[in-house]
């Protein structure tokens, strides 16, 4: 069964991913395409954000055969959930990052259909006033 990784707004199934001692290892050759992270001299980088790996602890992250993405998530205080039957790993956003996003009062972009099935994204209305109404049945 293929391993599925959900992280950084992407869903991937890297062919070489494997589990070792409860950790998810992604081959270095597939790291960026599978997770968005790339290993550079300055550390693990996601776009413009680079996280230096702790000195003397590099072997916790870079192992023979791959990069331990769960170790990086733990270091960044990101929640990790593993569903063994479906071989799915979900790496969430760190609480501090979520708090910063909420504090900014900038709504996240999303896309939903209207009653006629036409798709609308919140970003289509940037700079204009938008009224959002939501409800729940519970």
Protein backbone atom coordinates (compact mmCIF):
# COMPACT_ATOMS: atom_id res chain seq x y z
CA UNK A 1 0.00 0.00 0.00
CA UNK A 2 1.29 3.47 -0.90
CA UNK A 3 2.03 5.96 1.84
CA UNK A 4 -0.06 9.13 1.64
CA UNK A 5 1.20 12.41 3.12
CA UNK A 6 -1.07 15.40 3.71
CA UNK A 7 0.91 18.53 4.56
CA UNK A 8 1.36 22.13 3.41
CA UNK A 9 -1.87 22.10 1.39
CA UNK A 10 -0.78 19.12 -0.70
CA UNK A 11 -1.50 15.42 -0.84
CA UNK A 12 1.25 13.17 -2.15
CA UNK A 13 2.24 9.53 -2.32
CA UNK A 14 6.04 9.43 -2.51
CA UNK A 15 7.15 6.08 -3.91
CA UNK A 16 10.16 5.73 -1.65
CA UNK A 17 8.58 6.77 1.67
CA UNK A 18 8.98 4.25 4.47
CA UNK A 19 8.34 3.90 8.17
CA UNK A 20 11.24 3.27 10.49
CA UNK A 21 10.69 3.03 14.23
CA UNK A 22 7.47 5.05 14.10
CA UNK A 23 9.05 7.77 11.98
CA UNK A 24 8.20 8.65 8.38
CA UNK A 25 11.28 8.80 6.16
CA UNK A 26 11.04 10.46 2.76
CA UNK A 27 13.90 9.99 0.27
CA UNK A 28 15.88 13.20 -0.21
CA UNK A 29 15.15 13.02 -3.94
CA UNK A 30 11.40 13.16 -3.22
CA UNK A 31 11.42 15.47 -0.20
CA UNK A 32 10.46 18.70 -1.97
CA UNK A 33 7.82 17.18 -4.25
CA UNK A 34 6.29 15.21 -1.36
CA UNK A 35 6.32 17.84 1.39
CA UNK A 36 7.35 21.21 -0.03
CA UNK A 37 10.46 21.14 2.18
CA UNK A 38 13.94 21.17 0.63
CA UNK A 39 17.24 20.47 2.35
CA UNK A 40 19.75 23.30 1.81
CA UNK A 41 23.02 24.27 3.51
CA UNK A 42 21.10 26.70 5.75
CA UNK A 43 18.69 23.94 6.89
CA UNK A 44 15.26 22.66 5.93
CA UNK A 45 13.53 25.23 3.74
CA UNK A 46 9.89 25.67 2.77
CA UNK A 47 9.84 28.43 0.19
CA UNK A 48 11.56 31.45 1.76
CA UNK A 49 11.34 30.02 5.29
CA UNK A 50 14.46 28.12 6.36
CA UNK A 51 14.79 26.26 9.65
CA UNK A 52 18.36 25.52 10.72
CA UNK A 53 18.72 21.95 11.95
CA UNK A 54 20.05 21.92 15.53
CA UNK A 55 23.83 21.59 15.65
CA UNK A 56 24.89 18.09 16.59
CA UNK A 57 21.40 16.69 15.97
CA UNK A 58 21.45 16.53 12.18
CA UNK A 59 21.37 12.71 12.29
CA UNK A 60 17.90 12.88 13.91
CA UNK A 61 16.59 14.45 10.70
CA UNK A 62 18.79 13.12 7.90
CA UNK A 63 19.14 9.36 8.05
CA UNK A 64 20.38 6.74 5.67
CA UNK A 65 17.76 6.53 3.01
CA UNK A 66 15.82 9.66 3.76
CA UNK A 67 14.71 12.67 5.72
CA UNK A 68 12.65 12.15 8.88
CA UNK A 69 9.73 14.47 8.22
CA UNK A 70 8.12 13.53 11.55
CA UNK A 71 11.25 14.68 13.42
CA UNK A 72 11.05 18.04 11.64
CA UNK A 73 7.35 18.32 12.48
CA UNK A 74 8.11 17.57 16.14
CA UNK A 75 10.89 20.15 16.17
CA UNK A 76 8.49 22.75 14.72
CA UNK A 77 5.72 21.71 17.14
CA UNK A 78 3.44 20.58 14.33
CA UNK A 79 0.91 17.88 15.16
CA UNK A 80 1.40 14.55 13.37
CA UNK A 81 -1.31 11.94 12.94
CA UNK A 82 -0.70 8.50 11.44
CA UNK A 83 -3.49 6.18 10.35
CA UNK A 84 -1.80 2.79 9.97
CA UNK A 85 -4.60 0.92 8.13
CA UNK A 86 -4.66 3.47 5.30
CA UNK A 87 -0.95 4.32 5.65
CA UNK A 88 -1.82 8.02 5.77
CA UNK A 89 0.21 10.69 7.55
CA UNK A 90 -1.19 14.15 8.28
CA UNK A 91 1.12 16.93 9.42
CA UNK A 92 -0.76 19.95 10.68
CA UNK A 93 0.14 23.56 11.18
CA UNK A 94 1.94 24.56 14.37
CA UNK A 95 -0.25 26.21 17.01
CA UNK A 96 1.94 29.33 16.95
CA UNK A 97 1.47 29.69 13.19
CA UNK A 98 -2.29 29.22 13.55
CA UNK A 99 -2.40 31.85 16.28
CA UNK A 100 -0.42 34.32 14.15
CA UNK A 101 -2.82 33.78 11.24
CA UNK A 102 -5.85 34.35 13.46
CA UNK A 103 -4.28 37.41 15.04
CA UNK A 104 -3.67 38.95 11.62
CA UNK A 105 -7.46 39.03 10.97
CA UNK A 106 -6.80 38.03 7.35
CA UNK A 107 -9.25 35.37 6.25
CA UNK A 108 -7.71 32.34 4.56
CA UNK A 109 -8.47 31.92 0.89
CA UNK A 110 -11.04 29.30 -0.03
CA UNK A 111 -13.10 28.37 -3.08
CA UNK A 112 -16.75 27.30 -3.01
CA UNK A 113 -19.50 26.94 -5.61
CA UNK A 114 -22.53 29.22 -5.76
CA UNK A 115 -26.06 27.89 -6.29
CA UNK A 116 -25.45 27.68 -10.05
CA UNK A 117 -22.22 25.71 -9.62
CA UNK A 118 -19.85 28.56 -10.52
CA UNK A 119 -16.74 28.56 -8.37
CA UNK A 120 -15.85 31.67 -6.34
CA UNK A 121 -12.67 32.27 -4.35
CA UNK A 122 -12.42 34.73 -1.51
CA UNK A 123 -9.27 36.12 -3.13
CA UNK A 124 -11.41 37.19 -6.13
CA UNK A 125 -12.96 39.82 -3.85
CA UNK A 126 -9.83 41.20 -2.14
CA UNK A 127 -10.17 44.93 -1.54
CA UNK A 128 -13.96 44.75 -1.57
CA UNK A 129 -16.36 44.28 1.31
CA UNK A 130 -17.66 40.74 1.59
CA UNK A 131 -20.41 39.41 3.82
CA UNK A 132 -19.95 35.75 4.76
CA UNK A 133 -22.77 33.87 6.41
CA UNK A 134 -22.38 30.36 7.73
CA UNK A 135 -24.43 27.97 9.76
CA UNK A 136 -24.23 24.50 11.20
CA UNK A 137 -26.95 21.97 11.76
CA UNK A 138 -25.76 20.71 15.12
